[in-house]
N, C-alpha and C. Protein backbone atom coordinates (compact mmCIF):
# COMPACT_ATOMS: atom_id res chain seq x y z
N GLN A 1 -2.87 13.29 -17.78
CA GLN A 1 -3.78 13.72 -18.63
C GLN A 1 -4.82 13.39 -19.18
N VAL A 2 -6.11 13.65 -19.03
CA VAL A 2 -7.02 12.70 -19.73
C VAL A 2 -8.10 14.40 -20.01
N GLN A 3 -8.03 14.36 -21.71
CA GLN A 3 -8.72 15.22 -22.48
C GLN A 3 -10.81 14.32 -22.50
N LEU A 4 -11.53 15.60 -22.55
CA LEU A 4 -12.72 15.42 -22.22
C LEU A 4 -13.57 16.09 -23.31
N VAL A 5 -14.46 15.99 -24.50
CA VAL A 5 -14.95 16.35 -25.15
C VAL A 5 -16.58 15.84 -25.41
N GLU A 6 -17.28 16.78 -25.11
CA GLU A 6 -19.09 16.86 -25.15
C GLU A 6 -19.28 17.29 -26.29
N SER A 7 -20.64 16.74 -27.01
CA SER A 7 -21.46 16.98 -27.89
C SER A 7 -23.17 16.86 -27.66
N GLY A 8 -23.98 17.50 -28.18
CA GLY A 8 -25.27 16.63 -28.65
C GLY A 8 -26.19 17.35 -27.66
N GLY A 9 -25.52 18.58 -27.12
CA GLY A 9 -26.98 19.76 -26.76
C GLY A 9 -27.68 20.07 -27.23
N GLY A 10 -28.61 20.89 -27.02
CA GLY A 10 -29.53 21.72 -28.45
C GLY A 10 -30.62 22.37 -27.29
N LEU A 11 -31.82 22.48 -28.15
CA LEU A 11 -33.13 23.06 -27.51
C LEU A 11 -33.98 22.01 -27.97
N VAL A 12 -34.17 21.57 -26.96
CA VAL A 12 -35.52 20.69 -27.40
C VAL A 12 -36.80 21.41 -26.12
N GLN A 13 -37.94 20.28 -27.10
CA GLN A 13 -39.30 20.76 -26.02
C GLN A 13 -39.88 19.85 -24.44
N PRO A 14 -40.39 20.47 -24.33
CA PRO A 14 -40.88 19.14 -22.63
C PRO A 14 -40.76 18.37 -23.59
N GLY A 15 -40.86 16.94 -22.78
CA GLY A 15 -41.50 15.89 -23.23
C GLY A 15 -40.58 15.29 -24.35
N GLU A 16 -39.66 15.37 -24.75
CA GLU A 16 -38.64 15.24 -25.88
C GLU A 16 -37.51 15.01 -25.65
N SER A 17 -36.52 14.10 -26.13
CA SER A 17 -35.27 13.38 -26.06
C SER A 17 -34.07 13.83 -26.34
N LEU A 18 -32.94 13.90 -26.11
CA LEU A 18 -31.63 14.05 -25.83
C LEU A 18 -30.32 13.41 -25.96
N ARG A 19 -29.18 13.33 -27.75
CA ARG A 19 -28.54 12.10 -26.77
C ARG A 19 -27.07 12.73 -26.20
N LEU A 20 -26.82 13.26 -24.76
CA LEU A 20 -25.03 13.47 -24.90
C LEU A 20 -24.14 12.77 -25.25
N PHE A 21 -22.80 12.71 -25.59
CA PHE A 21 -21.90 11.89 -26.02
C PHE A 21 -20.51 12.69 -25.58
N CYS A 22 -20.05 11.78 -24.90
CA CYS A 22 -18.86 12.49 -24.56
C CYS A 22 -17.47 11.20 -24.67
N ALA A 23 -16.71 11.87 -25.50
CA ALA A 23 -14.97 11.20 -25.71
C ALA A 23 -14.22 11.80 -25.10
N ALA A 24 -13.15 10.43 -24.37
CA ALA A 24 -12.01 10.34 -23.64
C ALA A 24 -10.63 10.36 -24.31
N ALA A 25 -9.90 11.15 -24.37
CA ALA A 25 -8.39 10.81 -24.61
C ALA A 25 -7.44 11.21 -23.99
N GLY A 26 -6.77 10.62 -23.97
CA GLY A 26 -4.96 10.66 -23.02
C GLY A 26 -4.79 9.79 -22.09
N ARG A 27 -4.53 10.04 -20.99
CA ARG A 27 -3.94 8.53 -19.80
C ARG A 27 -5.04 7.94 -19.38
N ILE A 28 -5.44 7.12 -20.26
CA ILE A 28 -6.80 6.33 -19.65
C ILE A 28 -6.71 5.04 -18.85
N LEU A 29 -7.06 5.12 -17.62
CA LEU A 29 -6.37 4.16 -16.75
C LEU A 29 -7.92 2.76 -16.61
N SER A 30 -6.96 1.53 -16.11
CA SER A 30 -7.98 -0.10 -16.19
C SER A 30 -8.98 0.56 -15.35
N LEU A 31 -9.06 1.08 -14.33
CA LEU A 31 -10.01 1.08 -13.69
C LEU A 31 -10.66 2.82 -13.47
N ASN A 32 -11.37 3.36 -13.85
CA ASN A 32 -12.24 4.41 -13.84
C ASN A 32 -13.64 4.44 -13.76
N ARG A 33 -13.73 6.17 -13.49
CA ARG A 33 -15.38 6.17 -13.58
C ARG A 33 -15.74 7.76 -14.37
N MET A 34 -16.92 7.03 -15.66
CA MET A 34 -17.28 8.60 -15.70
C MET A 34 -18.56 8.68 -15.34
N GLY A 35 -18.63 10.20 -15.36
CA GLY A 35 -20.10 10.34 -15.54
C GLY A 35 -20.80 11.72 -15.94
N TRP A 36 -21.54 12.38 -15.30
CA TRP A 36 -22.49 13.77 -16.18
C TRP A 36 -22.77 13.85 -14.51
N TYR A 37 -22.91 15.88 -14.99
CA TYR A 37 -22.83 16.38 -14.10
C TYR A 37 -23.29 17.15 -14.98
N ARG A 38 -24.46 18.06 -13.65
CA ARG A 38 -24.88 19.27 -14.88
C ARG A 38 -25.22 20.65 -13.66
N GLN A 39 -25.26 22.15 -14.61
CA GLN A 39 -25.05 23.33 -13.52
C GLN A 39 -25.85 24.02 -14.39
N ALA A 40 -27.32 24.30 -13.82
CA ALA A 40 -28.58 25.88 -14.18
C ALA A 40 -27.89 27.00 -13.81
N PRO A 41 -28.12 27.59 -14.15
CA PRO A 41 -27.69 28.86 -14.00
C PRO A 41 -28.12 29.46 -12.06
N GLY A 42 -27.44 30.06 -11.47
CA GLY A 42 -27.32 30.53 -9.77
C GLY A 42 -27.39 28.58 -9.38
N LYS A 43 -26.88 27.75 -9.86
CA LYS A 43 -27.26 26.56 -8.77
C LYS A 43 -25.67 25.46 -8.80
N GLN A 44 -25.92 24.78 -7.78
CA GLN A 44 -24.49 23.99 -7.47
C GLN A 44 -24.19 23.20 -8.61
N ARG A 45 -23.37 22.72 -9.35
CA ARG A 45 -22.81 21.55 -10.07
C ARG A 45 -23.29 20.48 -8.98
N GLU A 46 -24.47 19.44 -9.94
CA GLU A 46 -24.80 17.93 -9.19
C GLU A 46 -24.21 17.34 -10.13
N LEU A 47 -24.23 15.74 -9.46
CA LEU A 47 -24.62 14.85 -10.37
C LEU A 47 -25.84 14.08 -10.69
N VAL A 48 -25.74 14.01 -12.20
CA VAL A 48 -26.89 13.30 -13.14
C VAL A 48 -26.74 11.66 -13.10
N ALA A 49 -25.42 11.71 -13.46
CA ALA A 49 -25.03 9.78 -13.75
C ALA A 49 -23.73 9.71 -13.52
N SER A 50 -23.26 8.80 -13.01
CA SER A 50 -22.26 7.93 -13.97
C SER A 50 -22.03 6.48 -13.67
N MET A 51 -20.83 6.35 -14.28
CA MET A 51 -20.95 4.52 -14.51
C MET A 51 -19.36 4.86 -14.24
N ALA A 52 -19.14 3.66 -13.46
CA ALA A 52 -17.48 3.05 -13.62
C ALA A 52 -17.29 1.68 -14.43
N ASN A 53 -15.72 1.94 -15.02
CA ASN A 53 -15.66 0.56 -16.45
C ASN A 53 -16.44 -0.43 -16.24
N GLY A 54 -16.86 -0.95 -14.54
CA GLY A 54 -16.54 -2.48 -14.59
C GLY A 54 -18.39 -2.05 -14.83
N GLY A 55 -19.36 -1.09 -15.21
CA GLY A 55 -20.37 -0.94 -15.60
C GLY A 55 -21.39 -0.73 -14.88
N VAL A 56 -21.12 -0.41 -13.39
CA VAL A 56 -22.33 -0.56 -12.31
C VAL A 56 -22.28 1.70 -12.19
N ALA A 57 -24.09 1.39 -12.69
CA ALA A 57 -24.83 2.79 -13.09
C ALA A 57 -24.82 3.08 -12.07
N ASN A 58 -25.00 4.57 -11.50
CA ASN A 58 -25.54 5.45 -10.30
C ASN A 58 -26.05 6.45 -10.79
N TYR A 59 -27.30 6.72 -10.53
CA TYR A 59 -28.64 8.03 -11.32
C TYR A 59 -29.05 8.86 -9.91
N ALA A 60 -29.18 10.09 -10.20
CA ALA A 60 -29.60 10.85 -9.26
C ALA A 60 -31.27 10.73 -9.73
N ASP A 61 -31.91 11.09 -8.09
CA ASP A 61 -32.91 10.61 -8.36
C ASP A 61 -34.08 10.92 -9.41
N SER A 62 -33.81 12.68 -10.09
CA SER A 62 -34.09 13.22 -10.87
C SER A 62 -33.99 12.86 -11.90
N ALA A 63 -32.86 11.67 -12.33
CA ALA A 63 -32.42 11.08 -13.32
C ALA A 63 -32.99 9.97 -13.45
N LYS A 64 -33.64 9.54 -12.37
CA LYS A 64 -34.20 8.05 -12.73
C LYS A 64 -35.50 7.42 -13.23
N GLY A 65 -35.20 6.65 -13.87
CA GLY A 65 -36.29 6.26 -15.27
C GLY A 65 -36.67 6.73 -16.37
N ARG A 66 -35.70 7.79 -16.19
CA ARG A 66 -35.85 9.19 -17.46
C ARG A 66 -34.60 9.12 -18.38
N PHE A 67 -33.47 9.57 -17.88
CA PHE A 67 -32.13 8.98 -17.83
C PHE A 67 -31.78 7.74 -18.42
N ILE A 68 -30.41 7.39 -19.68
CA ILE A 68 -29.79 6.21 -19.48
C ILE A 68 -28.51 6.62 -19.37
N ILE A 69 -27.23 5.70 -19.19
CA ILE A 69 -26.36 6.27 -19.24
C ILE A 69 -25.64 4.95 -19.46
N SER A 70 -24.76 4.92 -20.57
CA SER A 70 -23.77 3.98 -21.09
C SER A 70 -22.61 4.18 -21.23
N ARG A 71 -21.71 3.16 -21.83
CA ARG A 71 -20.03 3.40 -22.06
C ARG A 71 -19.38 2.12 -22.72
N ASP A 72 -18.70 2.86 -23.96
CA ASP A 72 -18.00 1.88 -24.65
C ASP A 72 -16.49 2.16 -23.70
N ASN A 73 -16.28 1.22 -23.58
CA ASN A 73 -15.19 1.29 -22.93
C ASN A 73 -13.98 1.22 -24.36
N ALA A 74 -14.26 0.43 -24.68
CA ALA A 74 -12.62 -0.36 -26.13
C ALA A 74 -12.70 1.55 -26.08
N LYS A 75 -13.95 2.17 -27.31
CA LYS A 75 -13.65 3.62 -27.75
C LYS A 75 -13.45 4.37 -26.62
N ASN A 76 -13.15 3.99 -25.61
CA ASN A 76 -13.31 5.62 -24.09
C ASN A 76 -15.09 6.72 -24.34
N THR A 77 -15.63 6.34 -24.54
CA THR A 77 -16.91 7.10 -24.66
C THR A 77 -17.65 6.77 -24.09
N MET A 78 -19.13 7.78 -23.63
CA MET A 78 -20.09 7.65 -22.70
C MET A 78 -20.71 8.91 -23.81
N SER A 79 -22.09 8.11 -22.85
CA SER A 79 -23.39 8.97 -23.66
C SER A 79 -24.32 8.44 -22.29
N LEU A 80 -25.51 9.90 -22.86
CA LEU A 80 -26.57 9.42 -21.77
C LEU A 80 -27.74 10.14 -22.52
N GLN A 81 -28.38 8.99 -22.74
CA GLN A 81 -29.77 9.54 -23.34
C GLN A 81 -30.47 10.04 -22.16
N MET A 82 -31.34 11.12 -22.79
CA MET A 82 -32.53 11.70 -21.57
C MET A 82 -33.84 11.71 -22.28
N ASN A 83 -34.71 10.77 -21.91
CA ASN A 83 -36.01 10.99 -22.21
C ASN A 83 -36.73 12.13 -21.40
N SER A 84 -37.77 11.93 -21.91
CA SER A 84 -39.62 12.98 -21.16
C SER A 84 -38.76 14.43 -20.32
N LEU A 85 -38.09 14.89 -20.94
CA LEU A 85 -36.92 16.34 -20.13
C LEU A 85 -37.66 17.04 -19.89
N LYS A 86 -37.80 17.72 -19.10
CA LYS A 86 -38.43 18.49 -18.41
C LYS A 86 -37.22 20.00 -18.37
N PRO A 87 -38.47 21.06 -18.60
CA PRO A 87 -37.73 22.49 -18.22
C PRO A 87 -36.54 22.22 -16.70
N GLU A 88 -36.59 21.54 -16.09
CA GLU A 88 -36.01 21.37 -14.59
C GLU A 88 -34.63 20.95 -15.10
N ASP A 89 -34.31 20.35 -16.27
CA ASP A 89 -33.48 19.45 -16.95
C ASP A 89 -32.62 20.62 -17.61
N THR A 90 -32.57 21.91 -17.65
CA THR A 90 -32.06 23.27 -18.47
C THR A 90 -30.91 23.28 -17.56
N ALA A 91 -29.32 22.74 -18.43
CA ALA A 91 -28.21 23.13 -17.33
C ALA A 91 -27.34 23.35 -18.80
N VAL A 92 -26.11 23.40 -18.06
CA VAL A 92 -24.61 22.87 -19.07
C VAL A 92 -24.24 22.07 -18.39
N TYR A 93 -24.25 20.49 -19.21
CA TYR A 93 -23.90 19.05 -18.99
C TYR A 93 -22.76 18.98 -18.96
N TYR A 94 -22.03 18.67 -18.00
CA TYR A 94 -20.57 18.60 -18.16
C TYR A 94 -20.30 16.34 -18.01
N CYS A 95 -18.98 16.71 -18.79
CA CYS A 95 -18.46 14.87 -18.92
C CYS A 95 -17.51 15.34 -17.45
N ASN A 96 -17.29 13.98 -16.66
CA ASN A 96 -16.46 13.88 -15.96
C ASN A 96 -15.31 12.52 -16.27
N TYR A 97 -14.16 12.69 -15.63
CA TYR A 97 -13.52 11.53 -15.17
C TYR A 97 -12.91 11.13 -14.72
N GLN A 98 -12.67 10.16 -14.16
CA GLN A 98 -12.07 9.62 -12.36
C GLN A 98 -11.63 8.64 -12.59
N ASN A 99 -9.95 8.62 -12.11
CA ASN A 99 -9.08 7.46 -11.79
C ASN A 99 -9.91 6.32 -10.76
N LEU A 100 -9.91 5.81 -10.43
CA LEU A 100 -9.93 4.70 -9.49
C LEU A 100 -9.09 4.23 -9.14
N ILE A 101 -8.08 3.68 -9.55
CA ILE A 101 -6.41 4.23 -9.08
C ILE A 101 -5.14 5.02 -9.42
N GLY A 102 -3.99 5.14 -9.04
CA GLY A 102 -3.37 5.36 -9.21
C GLY A 102 -3.64 7.50 -8.40
N ASP A 103 -3.65 7.76 -8.80
CA ASP A 103 -3.71 9.78 -8.18
C ASP A 103 -4.78 10.07 -8.13
N GLY A 104 -6.30 9.08 -8.80
CA GLY A 104 -7.07 9.62 -8.24
C GLY A 104 -7.63 10.51 -8.82
N GLY A 105 -6.92 11.25 -10.34
CA GLY A 105 -7.27 12.34 -10.38
C GLY A 105 -8.70 12.76 -11.20
N SER A 106 -9.41 13.72 -11.10
CA SER A 106 -10.59 14.27 -11.73
C SER A 106 -10.27 15.09 -13.09
N TYR A 107 -10.66 14.59 -14.33
CA TYR A 107 -10.83 15.75 -15.39
C TYR A 107 -12.50 16.38 -15.58
N TRP A 108 -12.42 17.07 -16.10
CA TRP A 108 -13.99 17.94 -16.78
C TRP A 108 -13.43 18.36 -18.25
N GLY A 109 -14.81 18.06 -19.05
CA GLY A 109 -14.86 18.34 -20.07
C GLY A 109 -15.52 20.25 -20.18
N LYS A 110 -15.91 20.80 -20.92
CA LYS A 110 -15.98 22.20 -20.92
C LYS A 110 -17.47 22.18 -20.99
N GLY A 111 -18.59 20.92 -21.28
CA GLY A 111 -19.33 21.63 -21.24
C GLY A 111 -20.68 21.41 -22.71
N THR A 112 -21.71 20.62 -22.23
CA THR A 112 -22.52 21.17 -23.60
C THR A 112 -23.78 21.49 -22.78
N LEU A 113 -24.65 23.05 -23.58
CA LEU A 113 -26.06 23.14 -22.77
C LEU A 113 -26.44 22.24 -23.94
N VAL A 114 -28.19 22.40 -22.61
CA VAL A 114 -29.14 21.33 -22.65
C VAL A 114 -29.92 22.62 -22.15
N THR A 115 -31.07 23.44 -23.15
CA THR A 115 -32.25 23.96 -23.00
C THR A 115 -33.52 23.17 -23.25
N VAL A 116 -34.37 22.63 -22.33
CA VAL A 116 -35.86 22.47 -22.53
C VAL A 116 -37.20 23.75 -22.47
N SER A 117 -37.22 24.31 -23.54
CA SER A 117 -38.22 25.20 -22.92
C SER A 117 -39.19 25.00 -24.66
N SER A 118 -40.72 25.38 -24.51
CA SER A 118 -41.18 25.29 -25.16
C SER A 118 -41.86 26.82 -26.04
């Protein structure tokens, strides 16, 4: 089992920045991928960005050029730096951890709300 705790959400104005954090604890395997997903009201959950612990990042088109994902593998933490935020970025952001070996298990945090509004 892996437990994930997100933090850093809040209310910001369009054009501002926000940084989200995720801390993972539990049975962390040597090959894994962590990522950020978001779900806006009335919409499906979608990938924002992900990064395997080998360091290769993957971004949704909506996040490219504005968001930066990073990881500290030694501390099992992950962050998402979000710049130039838009109202359409408003959503609950979820941290995800997935094993790339072993049982391939996937785990979710409870989410943190990001609201972009003037």
